[in-house]
Amino acid sequence: MTYSSLKLACGTAALFTVAALPTAHAQADGRFVRITNNAPNQFLQLGELEAYFNGVNQLLAANGGTIESSVAVNGLQHGDIQRVINGFLDNGADVYNANPAPGNSVTTDLGETLSIDNIRVGQRGDGCCQDRLSNFTIELLADDGAGLPGASVFSENFPGIVPDSSYQNFVVPEPASAALIGLVGLGLLARRRRARTA
């Protein structure tokens, strides 16, 4: 990994310089990928769930990915949970589709803790009912030490709709990079407050 420095400035005055900012692609280590429905009266229709490192889908069933659990509060309308890691955007009744309820989720298991740089969430491939894959949270979770889902190392709320018959990509930042962005934001906010009171 290569590093560079970043100087943050406000007007002509330098606020501070951050050293050792990674310039290589981001990644985080985790074992489980979870998608959770956020809306109270929303289906959770999932054509595919993928987790990548260096262009390889580590979650693909053929690469050792499995389903850890699924929660369909009001049961399934149709589909097979195993198909969400088969590498294809499925069609029709093959697509995993949980009936409307808050808290519907699918948790997948990479089999071991791996570095992940991108997670992709896929629609059903036939163009039907595309609004059923919207308003969800995607997470990368650590192993809790007993082989079960533990702490979240990456989480993003997605309020929109995944593109028709396609994928929504989520870049997984390094934990240190995410913390650095947060610190930079706090520094800028503090500077702005001091400027207002002066």
C-alpha atoms as a PDB file:
ATOM      1  CA  MET A   1       0.000   0.000   0.000  1.00  0.00           C
ATOM      2  CA  THR A   2       1.284   3.474  -0.812  1.00  0.00           C
ATOM      3  CA  TYR A   3       0.730   6.573   1.269  1.00  0.00           C
ATOM      4  CA  SER A   4       0.511  10.287   0.707  1.00  0.00           C
ATOM      5  CA  SER A   5      -0.319  13.318   2.815  1.00  0.00           C
ATOM      6  CA  LEU A   6      -3.376  15.520   2.673  1.00  0.00           C
ATOM      7  CA  LYS A   7      -3.425  19.177   3.695  1.00  0.00           C
ATOM      8  CA  LEU A   8      -6.809  20.532   4.650  1.00  0.00           C
ATOM      9  CA  ALA A   9      -7.295  24.244   4.322  1.00  0.00           C
ATOM     10  CA  CYS A  10      -9.993  26.799   4.964  1.00  0.00           C
ATOM     11  CA  GLY A  11      -9.451  29.844   2.778  1.00  0.00           C
ATOM     12  CA  THR A  12      -5.713  30.503   2.853  1.00  0.00           C
ATOM     13  CA  ALA A  13      -5.041  29.088   6.352  1.00  0.00           C
ATOM     14  CA  ALA A  14      -4.036  25.437   6.646  1.00  0.00           C
ATOM     15  CA  LEU A  15      -6.073  23.647   9.277  1.00  0.00           C
ATOM     16  CA  PHE A  16      -3.838  20.608   9.601  1.00  0.00           C
ATOM     17  CA  THR A  17      -2.008  17.989   7.566  1.00  0.00           C
ATOM     18  CA  VAL A  18      -2.967  14.325   7.690  1.00  0.00           C
ATOM     19  CA  ALA A  19      -0.109  11.943   6.981  1.00  0.00           C
ATOM     20  CA  ALA A  20      -0.243   8.280   5.980  1.00  0.00           C
ATOM     21  CA  LEU A  21      -3.493   8.468   4.021  1.00  0.00           C
ATOM     22  CA  PRO A  22      -3.728   5.246   1.968  1.00  0.00           C
ATOM     23  CA  THR A  23      -3.995   5.762  -1.774  1.00  0.00           C
ATOM     24  CA  ALA A  24      -4.673   2.103  -2.653  1.00  0.00           C
ATOM     25  CA  HIS A  25      -8.263   0.833  -2.912  1.00  0.00           C
ATOM     26  CA  ALA A  26     -10.169   0.563   0.349  1.00  0.00           C
ATOM     27  CA  GLN A  27     -11.149  -2.659   2.077  1.00  0.00           C
ATOM     28  CA  ALA A  28     -12.261  -4.041   5.417  1.00  0.00           C
ATOM     29  CA  ASP A  29     -12.086  -7.473   7.001  1.00  0.00           C
ATOM     30  CA  GLY A  30     -15.323  -9.295   7.731  1.00  0.00           C
ATOM     31  CA  ARG A  31     -17.013 -12.665   7.481  1.00  0.00           C
ATOM     32  CA  PHE A  32     -20.748 -12.005   7.085  1.00  0.00           C
ATOM     33  CA  VAL A  33     -22.731  -9.825   4.681  1.00  0.00           C
ATOM     34  CA  ARG A  34     -26.257  -8.821   5.717  1.00  0.00           C
ATOM     35  CA  ILE A  35     -29.038  -6.965   3.945  1.00  0.00           C
ATOM     36  CA  THR A  36     -31.965  -5.746   6.075  1.00  0.00           C
ATOM     37  CA  ASN A  37     -35.240  -4.234   4.920  1.00  0.00           C
ATOM     38  CA  ASN A  38     -35.856  -0.791   6.492  1.00  0.00           C
ATOM     39  CA  ALA A  39     -39.436  -0.056   5.403  1.00  0.00           C
ATOM     40  CA  PRO A  40     -42.420  -1.325   7.425  1.00  0.00           C
ATOM     41  CA  ASN A  41     -44.532  -2.485   4.456  1.00  0.00           C
ATOM     42  CA  GLN A  42     -41.846  -3.441   1.969  1.00  0.00           C
ATOM     43  CA  PHE A  43     -40.973  -6.728   0.271  1.00  0.00           C
ATOM     44  CA  LEU A  44     -37.354  -7.838   0.418  1.00  0.00           C
ATOM     45  CA  GLN A  45     -36.756  -9.144  -3.087  1.00  0.00           C
ATOM     46  CA  LEU A  46     -33.148 -10.097  -3.709  1.00  0.00           C
ATOM     47  CA  GLY A  47     -31.756 -11.277  -7.030  1.00  0.00           C
ATOM     48  CA  GLU A  48     -28.125 -11.571  -5.932  1.00  0.00           C
ATOM     49  CA  LEU A  49     -25.749 -10.637  -3.113  1.00  0.00           C
ATOM     50  CA  GLU A  50     -22.024 -10.443  -3.873  1.00  0.00           C
ATOM     51  CA  ALA A  51     -18.886  -9.506  -1.907  1.00  0.00           C
ATOM     52  CA  TYR A  52     -15.652  -8.760  -3.772  1.00  0.00           C
ATOM     53  CA  PHE A  53     -11.947  -8.488  -3.179  1.00  0.00           C
ATOM     54  CA  ASN A  54      -9.690  -7.685  -6.142  1.00  0.00           C
ATOM     55  CA  GLY A  55     -12.458  -8.451  -8.622  1.00  0.00           C
ATOM     56  CA  VAL A  56     -13.328 -11.919  -7.256  1.00  0.00           C
ATOM     57  CA  ASN A  57     -16.788 -12.573  -5.801  1.00  0.00           C
ATOM     58  CA  GLN A  58     -15.847 -14.217  -2.499  1.00  0.00           C
ATOM     59  CA  LEU A  59     -19.508 -14.820  -1.617  1.00  0.00           C
ATOM     60  CA  LEU A  60     -20.279 -16.941  -4.663  1.00  0.00           C
ATOM     61  CA  ALA A  61     -21.435 -20.418  -3.583  1.00  0.00           C
ATOM     62  CA  ALA A  62     -18.813 -21.937  -5.885  1.00  0.00           C
ATOM     63  CA  ASN A  63     -16.137 -20.027  -3.904  1.00  0.00           C
ATOM     64  CA  GLY A  64     -17.386 -21.278  -0.522  1.00  0.00           C
ATOM     65  CA  GLY A  65     -20.090 -18.721   0.316  1.00  0.00           C
ATOM     66  CA  THR A  66     -23.152 -19.965   2.203  1.00  0.00           C
ATOM     67  CA  ILE A  67     -26.384 -18.628   3.653  1.00  0.00           C
ATOM     68  CA  GLU A  68     -26.003 -18.043   7.407  1.00  0.00           C
ATOM     69  CA  SER A  69     -29.639 -17.130   8.024  1.00  0.00           C
ATOM     70  CA  SER A  70     -32.690 -15.428   6.595  1.00  0.00           C
ATOM     71  CA  VAL A  71     -35.567 -13.711   8.350  1.00  0.00           C
ATOM     72  CA  ALA A  72     -38.890 -13.567   6.519  1.00  0.00           C
ATOM     73  CA  VAL A  73     -41.188 -12.207   9.225  1.00  0.00           C
ATOM     74  CA  ASN A  74     -44.373 -12.892   7.244  1.00  0.00           C
ATOM     75  CA  GLY A  75     -43.016 -15.791   5.203  1.00  0.00           C
ATOM     76  CA  LEU A  76     -41.933 -16.002   1.579  1.00  0.00           C
ATOM     77  CA  GLN A  77     -43.959 -15.063  -1.454  1.00  0.00           C
ATOM     78  CA  HIS A  78     -41.624 -17.222  -3.554  1.00  0.00           C
ATOM     79  CA  GLY A  79     -38.013 -18.112  -4.235  1.00  0.00           C
ATOM     80  CA  ASP A  80     -35.052 -20.070  -2.937  1.00  0.00           C
ATOM     81  CA  ILE A  81     -32.647 -18.380  -0.534  1.00  0.00           C
ATOM     82  CA  GLN A  82     -29.700 -20.344  -1.963  1.00  0.00           C
ATOM     83  CA  ARG A  83     -30.118 -18.596  -5.302  1.00  0.00           C
ATOM     84  CA  VAL A  84     -28.956 -15.209  -3.928  1.00  0.00           C
ATOM     85  CA  ILE A  85     -25.341 -16.463  -4.076  1.00  0.00           C
ATOM     86  CA  ASN A  86     -25.439 -18.373  -7.391  1.00  0.00           C
ATOM     87  CA  GLY A  87     -23.834 -15.606  -9.492  1.00  0.00           C
ATOM     88  CA  PHE A  88     -26.926 -14.783 -11.583  1.00  0.00           C
ATOM     89  CA  LEU A  89     -29.814 -12.325 -11.497  1.00  0.00           C
ATOM     90  CA  ASP A  90     -32.667 -14.808 -11.267  1.00  0.00           C
ATOM     91  CA  ASN A  91     -36.130 -14.380 -12.795  1.00  0.00           C
ATOM     92  CA  GLY A  92     -39.729 -15.015 -11.816  1.00  0.00           C
ATOM     93  CA  ALA A  93     -40.536 -17.429  -9.016  1.00  0.00           C
ATOM     94  CA  ASP A  94     -36.841 -18.346  -8.593  1.00  0.00           C
ATOM     95  CA  VAL A  95     -36.125 -14.903  -7.064  1.00  0.00           C
ATOM     96  CA  TYR A  96     -35.985 -14.775  -3.258  1.00  0.00           C
ATOM     97  CA  ASN A  97     -38.927 -12.597  -2.186  1.00  0.00           C
ATOM     98  CA  ALA A  98     -39.908 -12.128   1.480  1.00  0.00           C
ATOM     99  CA  ASN A  99     -43.416 -10.791   2.118  1.00  0.00           C
ATOM    100  CA  PRO A 100     -43.706  -7.204   3.421  1.00  0.00           C
ATOM    101  CA  ALA A 101     -42.500  -6.722   7.005  1.00  0.00           C
ATOM    102  CA  PRO A 102     -39.914  -4.588   8.809  1.00  0.00           C
ATOM    103  CA  GLY A 103     -36.742  -6.436   9.730  1.00  0.00           C
ATOM    104  CA  ASN A 104     -36.688  -8.956   6.895  1.00  0.00           C
ATOM    105  CA  SER A 105     -33.039  -9.840   6.328  1.00  0.00           C
ATOM    106  CA  VAL A 106     -30.608 -12.183   4.640  1.00  0.00           C
ATOM    107  CA  THR A 107     -27.220 -12.922   6.211  1.00  0.00           C
ATOM    108  CA  THR A 108     -24.553 -14.673   4.168  1.00  0.00           C
ATOM    109  CA  ASP A 109     -21.325 -16.302   5.367  1.00  0.00           C
ATOM    110  CA  LEU A 110     -17.995 -16.021   3.546  1.00  0.00           C
ATOM    111  CA  GLY A 111     -16.788 -19.086   5.502  1.00  0.00           C
ATOM    112  CA  GLU A 112     -13.880 -17.199   7.066  1.00  0.00           C
ATOM    113  CA  THR A 113     -12.785 -13.620   7.696  1.00  0.00           C
ATOM    114  CA  LEU A 114     -11.741 -12.075   4.373  1.00  0.00           C
ATOM    115  CA  SER A 115     -10.829  -8.649   3.041  1.00  0.00           C
ATOM    116  CA  ILE A 116     -13.764  -7.141   1.138  1.00  0.00           C
ATOM    117  CA  ASP A 117     -13.596  -3.978  -0.982  1.00  0.00           C
ATOM    118  CA  ASN A 118     -17.015  -3.969  -2.700  1.00  0.00           C
ATOM    119  CA  ILE A 119     -20.454  -5.387  -2.019  1.00  0.00           C
ATOM    120  CA  ARG A 120     -23.030  -5.627  -4.817  1.00  0.00           C
ATOM    121  CA  VAL A 121     -26.770  -6.040  -4.388  1.00  0.00           C
ATOM    122  CA  GLY A 122     -28.633  -7.349  -7.454  1.00  0.00           C
ATOM    123  CA  GLN A 123     -32.197  -6.938  -8.699  1.00  0.00           C
ATOM    124  CA  ARG A 124     -34.218  -9.710 -10.283  1.00  0.00           C
ATOM    125  CA  GLY A 125     -33.225 -10.046 -13.918  1.00  0.00           C
ATOM    126  CA  ASP A 126     -36.602  -9.941 -15.673  1.00  0.00           C
ATOM    127  CA  GLY A 127     -37.480  -6.315 -14.864  1.00  0.00           C
ATOM    128  CA  CYS A 128     -40.523  -7.142 -12.746  1.00  0.00           C
ATOM    129  CA  CYS A 129     -41.310  -5.510  -9.396  1.00  0.00           C
ATOM    130  CA  GLN A 130     -38.051  -3.564  -9.172  1.00  0.00           C
ATOM    131  CA  ASP A 131     -39.329  -1.351  -6.320  1.00  0.00           C
ATOM    132  CA  ARG A 132     -39.157  -4.389  -4.018  1.00  0.00           C
ATOM    133  CA  LEU A 133     -35.385  -3.966  -3.682  1.00  0.00           C
ATOM    134  CA  SER A 134     -35.208  -0.538  -2.069  1.00  0.00           C
ATOM    135  CA  ASN A 135     -34.779   1.185   1.291  1.00  0.00           C
ATOM    136  CA  PHE A 136     -32.408  -1.285   2.949  1.00  0.00           C
ATOM    137  CA  THR A 137     -29.211  -1.425   4.985  1.00  0.00           C
ATOM    138  CA  ILE A 138     -26.189  -3.373   3.779  1.00  0.00           C
ATOM    139  CA  GLU A 139     -23.560  -4.476   6.315  1.00  0.00           C
ATOM    140  CA  LEU A 140     -20.246  -6.311   6.537  1.00  0.00           C
ATOM    141  CA  LEU A 141     -19.996  -8.026   9.924  1.00  0.00           C
ATOM    142  CA  ALA A 142     -17.061  -9.478  11.840  1.00  0.00           C
ATOM    143  CA  ASP A 143     -16.914 -13.012  13.237  1.00  0.00           C
ATOM    144  CA  ASP A 144     -17.883 -12.878  16.934  1.00  0.00           C
ATOM    145  CA  GLY A 145     -15.214 -15.466  17.801  1.00  0.00           C
ATOM    146  CA  ALA A 146     -17.724 -18.312  17.846  1.00  0.00           C
ATOM    147  CA  GLY A 147     -18.405 -18.366  14.101  1.00  0.00           C
ATOM    148  CA  LEU A 148     -21.497 -16.164  14.310  1.00  0.00           C
ATOM    149  CA  PRO A 149     -22.199 -12.612  13.089  1.00  0.00           C
ATOM    150  CA  GLY A 150     -20.567 -10.028  15.350  1.00  0.00           C
ATOM    151  CA  ALA A 151     -19.847  -6.311  15.222  1.00  0.00           C
ATOM    152  CA  SER A 152     -20.523  -4.293  12.084  1.00  0.00           C
ATOM    153  CA  VAL A 153     -17.329  -3.188  10.315  1.00  0.00           C
ATOM    154  CA  PHE A 154     -19.237  -1.472   7.489  1.00  0.00           C
ATOM    155  CA  SER A 155     -22.846  -0.318   7.260  1.00  0.00           C
ATOM    156  CA  GLU A 156     -24.659   1.823   4.719  1.00  0.00           C
ATOM    157  CA  ASN A 157     -28.331   2.766   4.483  1.00  0.00           C
ATOM    158  CA  PHE A 158     -29.615   2.819   0.912  1.00  0.00           C
ATOM    159  CA  PRO A 159     -32.923   4.747   0.613  1.00  0.00           C
ATOM    160  CA  GLY A 160     -33.239   4.410  -3.175  1.00  0.00           C
ATOM    161  CA  ILE A 161     -34.156   1.615  -5.587  1.00  0.00           C
ATOM    162  CA  VAL A 162     -31.491  -0.670  -7.051  1.00  0.00           C
ATOM    163  CA  PRO A 163     -31.204  -0.033 -10.839  1.00  0.00           C
ATOM    164  CA  ASP A 164     -33.547  -2.099 -13.027  1.00  0.00           C
ATOM    165  CA  SER A 165     -32.285  -5.617 -13.733  1.00  0.00           C
ATOM    166  CA  SER A 166     -28.858  -4.565 -12.514  1.00  0.00           C
ATOM    167  CA  TYR A 167     -26.746  -3.989  -9.403  1.00  0.00           C
ATOM    168  CA  GLN A 168     -26.075  -1.349  -6.774  1.00  0.00           C
ATOM    169  CA  ASN A 169     -22.403  -1.248  -5.765  1.00  0.00           C
ATOM    170  CA  PHE A 170     -21.194  -0.313  -2.270  1.00  0.00           C
ATOM    171  CA  VAL A 171     -17.503   0.528  -1.755  1.00  0.00           C
ATOM    172  CA  VAL A 172     -16.279  -0.784   1.593  1.00  0.00           C
ATOM    173  CA  PRO A 173     -13.813   1.680   3.161  1.00  0.00           C
ATOM    174  CA  GLU A 174     -10.971   0.703   5.438  1.00  0.00           C
ATOM    175  CA  PRO A 175     -12.010   1.213   9.067  1.00  0.00           C
ATOM    176  CA  ALA A 176      -9.095   3.636   9.511  1.00  0.00           C
ATOM    177  CA  SER A 177     -10.178   5.606   6.443  1.00  0.00           C
ATOM    178  CA  ALA A 178     -13.746   5.866   7.717  1.00  0.00           C
ATOM    179  CA  ALA A 179     -12.466   7.071  11.102  1.00  0.00           C
ATOM    180  CA  LEU A 180     -10.163   9.578   9.393  1.00  0.00           C
ATOM    181  CA  ILE A 181     -13.045  11.021   7.378  1.00  0.00           C
ATOM    182  CA  GLY A 182     -15.025  11.378  10.603  1.00  0.00           C
ATOM    183  CA  LEU A 183     -12.129  13.145  12.338  1.00  0.00           C
ATOM    184  CA  VAL A 184     -11.666  15.517   9.412  1.00  0.00           C
ATOM    185  CA  GLY A 185     -15.377  16.366   9.542  1.00  0.00           C
ATOM    186  CA  LEU A 186     -15.213  17.025  13.296  1.00  0.00           C
ATOM    187  CA  GLY A 187     -12.150  19.227  12.820  1.00  0.00           C
ATOM    188  CA  LEU A 188     -13.893  21.294  10.156  1.00  0.00           C
ATOM    189  CA  LEU A 189     -17.009  21.625  12.294  1.00  0.00           C
ATOM    190  CA  ALA A 190     -14.977  22.780  15.319  1.00  0.00           C
ATOM    191  CA  ARG A 191     -13.107  25.299  13.178  1.00  0.00           C
ATOM    192  CA  ARG A 192     -16.377  26.655  11.807  1.00  0.00           C
ATOM    193  CA  ARG A 193     -17.868  27.033  15.298  1.00  0.00           C
ATOM    194  CA  ARG A 194     -14.771  28.890  16.524  1.00  0.00           C
ATOM    195  CA  ALA A 195     -14.961  31.217  13.535  1.00  0.00           C
ATOM    196  CA  ARG A 196     -18.612  32.026  14.262  1.00  0.00           C
ATOM    197  CA  THR A 197     -17.967  32.887  17.917  1.00  0.00           C
ATOM    198  CA  ALA A 198     -14.935  35.077  17.114  1.00  0.00           C
END
